[in-house]
C-alpha atoms as a PDB file:
ATOM      1  CA  UNK A   1       6.993  19.566 -10.579  1.00  0.00           C
ATOM      2  CA  UNK A   2      10.092  17.646  -9.438  1.00  0.00           C
ATOM      3  CA  UNK A   3       9.820  13.980  -8.554  1.00  0.00           C
ATOM      4  CA  UNK A   4       9.977  13.102  -4.751  1.00  0.00           C
ATOM      5  CA  UNK A   5      12.353   9.793  -5.284  1.00  0.00           C
ATOM      6  CA  UNK A   6      14.833  11.636  -6.556  1.00  0.00           C
ATOM      7  CA  UNK A   7      14.996  13.289  -2.944  1.00  0.00           C
ATOM      8  CA  UNK A   8      13.370  10.088  -0.903  1.00  0.00           C
ATOM      9  CA  UNK A   9      13.542   6.592  -1.343  1.00  0.00           C
ATOM     10  CA  UNK A  10      10.272   4.069  -0.581  1.00  0.00           C
ATOM     11  CA  UNK A  11      11.469   2.087   1.901  1.00  0.00           C
ATOM     12  CA  UNK A  12      11.844   5.654   3.635  1.00  0.00           C
ATOM     13  CA  UNK A  13       8.609   6.101   3.099  1.00  0.00           C
ATOM     14  CA  UNK A  14       7.022   2.608   4.172  1.00  0.00           C
ATOM     15  CA  UNK A  15       9.497   2.649   7.289  1.00  0.00           C
ATOM     16  CA  UNK A  16       7.775   6.330   7.954  1.00  0.00           C
ATOM     17  CA  UNK A  17       4.079   4.323   7.515  1.00  0.00           C
ATOM     18  CA  UNK A  18       5.562   1.677   9.433  1.00  0.00           C
ATOM     19  CA  UNK A  19       6.788   3.842  12.385  1.00  0.00           C
ATOM     20  CA  UNK A  20       3.252   5.722  13.019  1.00  0.00           C
ATOM     21  CA  UNK A  21       0.946   2.354  12.204  1.00  0.00           C
ATOM     22  CA  UNK A  22      -1.580   1.915  14.463  1.00  0.00           C
ATOM     23  CA  UNK A  23      -4.459  -0.191  14.418  1.00  0.00           C
ATOM     24  CA  UNK A  24      -3.005  -1.433  11.142  1.00  0.00           C
ATOM     25  CA  UNK A  25      -3.753   1.243   9.553  1.00  0.00           C
ATOM     26  CA  UNK A  26      -0.875   0.146   7.048  1.00  0.00           C
ATOM     27  CA  UNK A  27      -2.474  -2.463   5.181  1.00  0.00           C
ATOM     28  CA  UNK A  28      -5.294   0.227   4.768  1.00  0.00           C
ATOM     29  CA  UNK A  29      -2.735   2.692   3.606  1.00  0.00           C
ATOM     30  CA  UNK A  30      -1.117  -0.054   0.920  1.00  0.00           C
ATOM     31  CA  UNK A  31      -4.870  -0.806  -0.173  1.00  0.00           C
ATOM     32  CA  UNK A  32      -5.594   2.847  -0.628  1.00  0.00           C
ATOM     33  CA  UNK A  33      -2.386   3.342  -2.738  1.00  0.00           C
ATOM     34  CA  UNK A  34      -2.951   0.326  -4.838  1.00  0.00           C
ATOM     35  CA  UNK A  35      -6.562   2.191  -5.980  1.00  0.00           C
ATOM     36  CA  UNK A  36      -4.752   5.523  -6.154  1.00  0.00           C
ATOM     37  CA  UNK A  37      -2.321   4.242  -8.316  1.00  0.00           C
ATOM     38  CA  UNK A  38      -5.183   2.634 -10.764  1.00  0.00           C
ATOM     39  CA  UNK A  39      -7.593   5.217 -10.927  1.00  0.00           C
ATOM     40  CA  UNK A  40      -4.598   7.658 -11.560  1.00  0.00           C
ATOM     41  CA  UNK A  41      -3.040   5.091 -14.510  1.00  0.00           C
ATOM     42  CA  UNK A  42      -7.008   5.343 -15.933  1.00  0.00           C
ATOM     43  CA  UNK A  43      -7.091   9.089 -15.899  1.00  0.00           C
ATOM     44  CA  UNK A  44      -3.559   9.210 -17.503  1.00  0.00           C
ATOM     45  CA  UNK A  45      -4.646   8.102 -20.988  1.00  0.00           C
ATOM     46  CA  UNK A  46      -7.271  11.516 -21.063  1.00  0.00           C
ATOM     47  CA  UNK A  47      -5.536  13.541 -18.973  1.00  0.00           C
ATOM     48  CA  UNK A  48      -2.134  13.483 -19.487  1.00  0.00           C
ATOM     49  CA  UNK A  49      -0.521  13.233 -16.053  1.00  0.00           C
ATOM     50  CA  UNK A  50       2.855  12.886 -15.386  1.00  0.00           C
ATOM     51  CA  UNK A  51       4.924  10.511 -13.499  1.00  0.00           C
ATOM     52  CA  UNK A  52       6.133  12.768 -10.986  1.00  0.00           C
ATOM     53  CA  UNK A  53       2.912  13.661 -10.008  1.00  0.00           C
ATOM     54  CA  UNK A  54       1.463   9.707  -9.830  1.00  0.00           C
ATOM     55  CA  UNK A  55       5.081   9.586  -7.352  1.00  0.00           C
ATOM     56  CA  UNK A  56       3.483  11.959  -5.123  1.00  0.00           C
ATOM     57  CA  UNK A  57       0.222  10.647  -4.720  1.00  0.00           C
ATOM     58  CA  UNK A  58       2.170   6.676  -4.241  1.00  0.00           C
ATOM     59  CA  UNK A  59       3.719   8.611  -1.007  1.00  0.00           C
ATOM     60  CA  UNK A  60       0.654  10.621  -0.072  1.00  0.00           C
ATOM     61  CA  UNK A  61      -1.728   7.591   0.247  1.00  0.00           C
ATOM     62  CA  UNK A  62       0.276   5.461   1.882  1.00  0.00           C
ATOM     63  CA  UNK A  63       1.243   8.302   4.524  1.00  0.00           C
ATOM     64  CA  UNK A  64      -2.219   9.511   4.210  1.00  0.00           C
ATOM     65  CA  UNK A  65      -3.561   8.288   7.789  1.00  0.00           C
ATOM     66  CA  UNK A  66      -0.093   8.266   9.643  1.00  0.00           C
ATOM     67  CA  UNK A  67      -2.192  11.242  12.114  1.00  0.00           C
ATOM     68  CA  UNK A  68      -3.932   8.671  13.435  1.00  0.00           C
ATOM     69  CA  UNK A  69      -0.895   7.885  15.526  1.00  0.00           C
ATOM     70  CA  UNK A  70      -1.407  11.031  17.470  1.00  0.00           C
ATOM     71  CA  UNK A  71      -5.176  10.871  17.501  1.00  0.00           C
ATOM     72  CA  UNK A  72      -7.750   9.712  15.057  1.00  0.00           C
ATOM     73  CA  UNK A  73      -9.819  13.086  15.534  1.00  0.00           C
ATOM     74  CA  UNK A  74      -8.587  15.235  13.402  1.00  0.00           C
ATOM     75  CA  UNK A  75      -5.785  12.729  12.165  1.00  0.00           C
ATOM     76  CA  UNK A  76      -5.996  14.187   8.495  1.00  0.00           C
ATOM     77  CA  UNK A  77      -4.276  17.612  10.785  1.00  0.00           C
ATOM     78  CA  UNK A  78      -2.040  15.366  12.589  1.00  0.00           C
ATOM     79  CA  UNK A  79      -1.125  13.571   9.013  1.00  0.00           C
ATOM     80  CA  UNK A  80       0.004  17.173   7.687  1.00  0.00           C
ATOM     81  CA  UNK A  81       2.508  17.859  11.037  1.00  0.00           C
ATOM     82  CA  UNK A  82       4.184  14.649  10.877  1.00  0.00           C
ATOM     83  CA  UNK A  83       5.042  14.704   7.245  1.00  0.00           C
ATOM     84  CA  UNK A  84       6.481  18.348   8.065  1.00  0.00           C
ATOM     85  CA  UNK A  85       8.503  16.944  11.231  1.00  0.00           C
ATOM     86  CA  UNK A  86       9.544  13.582  10.121  1.00  0.00           C
ATOM     87  CA  UNK A  87      13.425  13.317   9.637  1.00  0.00           C
ATOM     88  CA  UNK A  88      12.933  10.720   6.919  1.00  0.00           C
ATOM     89  CA  UNK A  89      11.794  13.426   4.383  1.00  0.00           C
ATOM     90  CA  UNK A  90      14.841  16.353   5.635  1.00  0.00           C
ATOM     91  CA  UNK A  91      16.228  15.395   2.036  1.00  0.00           C
ATOM     92  CA  UNK A  92      12.933  16.393   0.585  1.00  0.00           C
ATOM     93  CA  UNK A  93      12.710  20.414  -0.599  1.00  0.00           C
ATOM     94  CA  UNK A  94      10.319  22.179   1.474  1.00  0.00           C
ATOM     95  CA  UNK A  95       7.982  22.958  -1.297  1.00  0.00           C
ATOM     96  CA  UNK A  96       7.850  19.173  -2.161  1.00  0.00           C
ATOM     97  CA  UNK A  97       7.581  18.406   0.883  1.00  0.00           C
ATOM     98  CA  UNK A  98       4.288  20.272   1.716  1.00  0.00           C
ATOM     99  CA  UNK A  99       3.118  19.252  -0.984  1.00  0.00           C
ATOM    100  CA  UNK A 100       3.098  16.068   0.094  1.00  0.00           C
ATOM    101  CA  UNK A 101       2.024  16.917   3.084  1.00  0.00           C
ATOM    102  CA  UNK A 102      -1.105  19.246   1.678  1.00  0.00           C
ATOM    103  CA  UNK A 103      -2.126  16.238  -0.503  1.00  0.00           C
ATOM    104  CA  UNK A 104      -2.346  13.296   2.473  1.00  0.00           C
ATOM    105  CA  UNK A 105      -4.091  15.654   4.608  1.00  0.00           C
ATOM    106  CA  UNK A 106      -6.723  16.766   2.321  1.00  0.00           C
ATOM    107  CA  UNK A 107      -7.810  13.393   1.924  1.00  0.00           C
ATOM    108  CA  UNK A 108     -10.753  13.969   4.463  1.00  0.00           C
ATOM    109  CA  UNK A 109     -13.809  16.543   3.628  1.00  0.00           C
ATOM    110  CA  UNK A 110     -11.594  19.482   3.858  1.00  0.00           C
ATOM    111  CA  UNK A 111      -8.839  20.956   1.580  1.00  0.00           C
ATOM    112  CA  UNK A 112      -5.851  22.190   3.344  1.00  0.00           C
ATOM    113  CA  UNK A 113      -5.973  25.955   3.614  1.00  0.00           C
ATOM    114  CA  UNK A 114      -1.784  25.627   2.528  1.00  0.00           C
ATOM    115  CA  UNK A 115      -3.168  25.088  -1.037  1.00  0.00           C
ATOM    116  CA  UNK A 116      -3.780  28.678  -1.038  1.00  0.00           C
ATOM    117  CA  UNK A 117      -0.051  29.560  -1.522  1.00  0.00           C
ATOM    118  CA  UNK A 118       0.795  27.903  -4.804  1.00  0.00           C
ATOM    119  CA  UNK A 119      -0.414  29.495  -7.948  1.00  0.00           C
ATOM    120  CA  UNK A 120      -3.339  28.243  -9.973  1.00  0.00           C
ATOM    121  CA  UNK A 121      -1.727  25.859 -12.115  1.00  0.00           C
ATOM    122  CA  UNK A 122       0.100  24.018  -9.095  1.00  0.00           C
ATOM    123  CA  UNK A 123      -3.030  24.218  -7.049  1.00  0.00           C
ATOM    124  CA  UNK A 124      -5.436  22.701  -9.864  1.00  0.00           C
ATOM    125  CA  UNK A 125      -2.502  19.689  -9.993  1.00  0.00           C
ATOM    126  CA  UNK A 126      -2.673  19.295  -6.163  1.00  0.00           C
ATOM    127  CA  UNK A 127      -6.150  19.425  -5.858  1.00  0.00           C
ATOM    128  CA  UNK A 128      -6.713  16.720  -9.008  1.00  0.00           C
ATOM    129  CA  UNK A 129      -4.319  13.894  -6.278  1.00  0.00           C
ATOM    130  CA  UNK A 130      -6.152  15.238  -3.662  1.00  0.00           C
ATOM    131  CA  UNK A 131      -9.411  14.177  -5.663  1.00  0.00           C
ATOM    132  CA  UNK A 132      -8.005  11.148  -6.475  1.00  0.00           C
ATOM    133  CA  UNK A 133      -6.758  10.349  -3.488  1.00  0.00           C
ATOM    134  CA  UNK A 134     -10.274  10.564  -1.617  1.00  0.00           C
ATOM    135  CA  UNK A 135     -11.663   8.235  -4.155  1.00  0.00           C
ATOM    136  CA  UNK A 136      -9.048   5.471  -3.455  1.00  0.00           C
ATOM    137  CA  UNK A 137      -9.728   6.217   0.342  1.00  0.00           C
ATOM    138  CA  UNK A 138     -13.290   5.658  -0.025  1.00  0.00           C
ATOM    139  CA  UNK A 139     -13.233   2.391  -1.459  1.00  0.00           C
ATOM    140  CA  UNK A 140     -11.401   1.230   1.117  1.00  0.00           C
ATOM    141  CA  UNK A 141     -13.758   3.317   3.719  1.00  0.00           C
ATOM    142  CA  UNK A 142     -14.511   0.087   6.225  1.00  0.00           C
ATOM    143  CA  UNK A 143     -10.431  -0.614   6.359  1.00  0.00           C
ATOM    144  CA  UNK A 144     -11.599  -4.293   6.006  1.00  0.00           C
ATOM    145  CA  UNK A 145      -9.302  -4.806   2.750  1.00  0.00           C
ATOM    146  CA  UNK A 146     -11.639  -7.121   1.142  1.00  0.00           C
ATOM    147  CA  UNK A 147     -12.853  -4.334  -1.711  1.00  0.00           C
ATOM    148  CA  UNK A 148     -11.079  -5.153  -5.002  1.00  0.00           C
ATOM    149  CA  UNK A 149     -11.057  -3.339  -8.276  1.00  0.00           C
ATOM    150  CA  UNK A 150     -11.965  -6.115 -10.900  1.00  0.00           C
ATOM    151  CA  UNK A 151     -12.473  -3.091 -14.052  1.00  0.00           C
ATOM    152  CA  UNK A 152     -12.103   0.105 -14.687  1.00  0.00           C
ATOM    153  CA  UNK A 153     -13.026   2.876 -17.126  1.00  0.00           C
ATOM    154  CA  UNK A 154     -13.759   6.527 -18.582  1.00  0.00           C
ATOM    155  CA  UNK A 155     -16.746   6.627 -21.024  1.00  0.00           C
ATOM    156  CA  UNK A 156     -19.514   9.289 -21.340  1.00  0.00           C
ATOM    157  CA  UNK A 157     -18.052  11.729 -18.863  1.00  0.00           C
ATOM    158  CA  UNK A 158     -17.723   9.203 -15.921  1.00  0.00           C
ATOM    159  CA  UNK A 159     -14.598   6.812 -14.298  1.00  0.00           C
ATOM    160  CA  UNK A 160     -16.407   3.580 -13.574  1.00  0.00           C
ATOM    161  CA  UNK A 161     -15.135   1.441 -11.318  1.00  0.00           C
ATOM    162  CA  UNK A 162     -16.422  -2.388 -10.850  1.00  0.00           C
ATOM    163  CA  UNK A 163     -15.437  -3.683  -7.287  1.00  0.00           C
ATOM    164  CA  UNK A 164     -15.844  -6.918  -5.311  1.00  0.00           C
ATOM    165  CA  UNK A 165     -17.000  -6.106  -1.942  1.00  0.00           C
ATOM    166  CA  UNK A 166     -18.780  -6.853   1.179  1.00  0.00           C
ATOM    167  CA  UNK A 167     -19.564  -3.632   1.852  1.00  0.00           C
ATOM    168  CA  UNK A 168     -20.467  -2.328  -1.496  1.00  0.00           C
ATOM    169  CA  UNK A 169     -23.259  -0.203   0.290  1.00  0.00           C
ATOM    170  CA  UNK A 170     -21.571   1.323   2.608  1.00  0.00           C
ATOM    171  CA  UNK A 171     -18.543   2.171   0.381  1.00  0.00           C
ATOM    172  CA  UNK A 172     -21.097   3.386  -2.286  1.00  0.00           C
ATOM    173  CA  UNK A 173     -22.333   6.023   0.980  1.00  0.00           C
ATOM    174  CA  UNK A 174     -18.891   6.789   1.428  1.00  0.00           C
ATOM    175  CA  UNK A 175     -17.727   7.679  -2.611  1.00  0.00           C
ATOM    176  CA  UNK A 176     -20.917   9.599  -2.965  1.00  0.00           C
ATOM    177  CA  UNK A 177     -19.840  11.740  -0.053  1.00  0.00           C
ATOM    178  CA  UNK A 178     -16.098  12.155  -1.303  1.00  0.00           C
ATOM    179  CA  UNK A 179     -16.750  12.653  -5.008  1.00  0.00           C
ATOM    180  CA  UNK A 180     -17.293  15.907  -5.359  1.00  0.00           C
ATOM    181  CA  UNK A 181     -13.817  17.457  -5.691  1.00  0.00           C
ATOM    182  CA  UNK A 182     -13.008  14.625  -8.001  1.00  0.00           C
ATOM    183  CA  UNK A 183     -16.417  15.697 -10.125  1.00  0.00           C
ATOM    184  CA  UNK A 184     -15.223  19.548 -10.122  1.00  0.00           C
ATOM    185  CA  UNK A 185     -11.537  18.590 -11.141  1.00  0.00           C
ATOM    186  CA  UNK A 186     -11.870  16.217 -13.962  1.00  0.00           C
ATOM    187  CA  UNK A 187     -15.621  16.445 -15.308  1.00  0.00           C
ATOM    188  CA  UNK A 188     -16.778  13.925 -14.831  1.00  0.00           C
ATOM    189  CA  UNK A 189     -19.019  11.802 -12.108  1.00  0.00           C
ATOM    190  CA  UNK A 190     -17.763   8.621 -10.535  1.00  0.00           C
ATOM    191  CA  UNK A 191     -20.151   5.405 -10.784  1.00  0.00           C
ATOM    192  CA  UNK A 192     -19.427   2.459  -8.499  1.00  0.00           C
ATOM    193  CA  UNK A 193     -20.548  -0.816 -10.002  1.00  0.00           C
ATOM    194  CA  UNK A 194     -20.811  -4.228  -8.098  1.00  0.00           C
ATOM    195  CA  UNK A 195     -18.905  -6.609 -10.047  1.00  0.00           C
END
């Protein structure tokens, strides 16, 4: 995979998120981007993930809810549409831009059907990034921004995430709903613990 930052600056990604910022959704997107990076870094030690994938995940996390600008209902589909049409990304090669849209647009319960356009290796790579984004999004599900990851580690085929939050119960439920792809792609469970 080629690095997205060869074609777009992080400032342009942030400007795009700000352009479509509704109900302070950008604060949530930045929080999710941080969580996604933390999860990715823990996984990288065992799964040898690439920097290019991490940067693509980062951009996807920052943009994952921009579709709320059009409509909260089906916002994942609107997110994909915005990414594919946004002028700030005109220099990004179409294949890479579509990868960005597929990842960001698949953070809900359904994986974008465009994933079928890729060979098995690329599809697996994209599904891993989608899985990480879903876990990161679930950790700030309430959008109250009061969740922090205190510790994270891999042991016994499980990703343990220790968090501080006023909403651990809601986060736990959301995480259970969004973790099946992660469990499938990484062959491990996700366990949330109160720090």
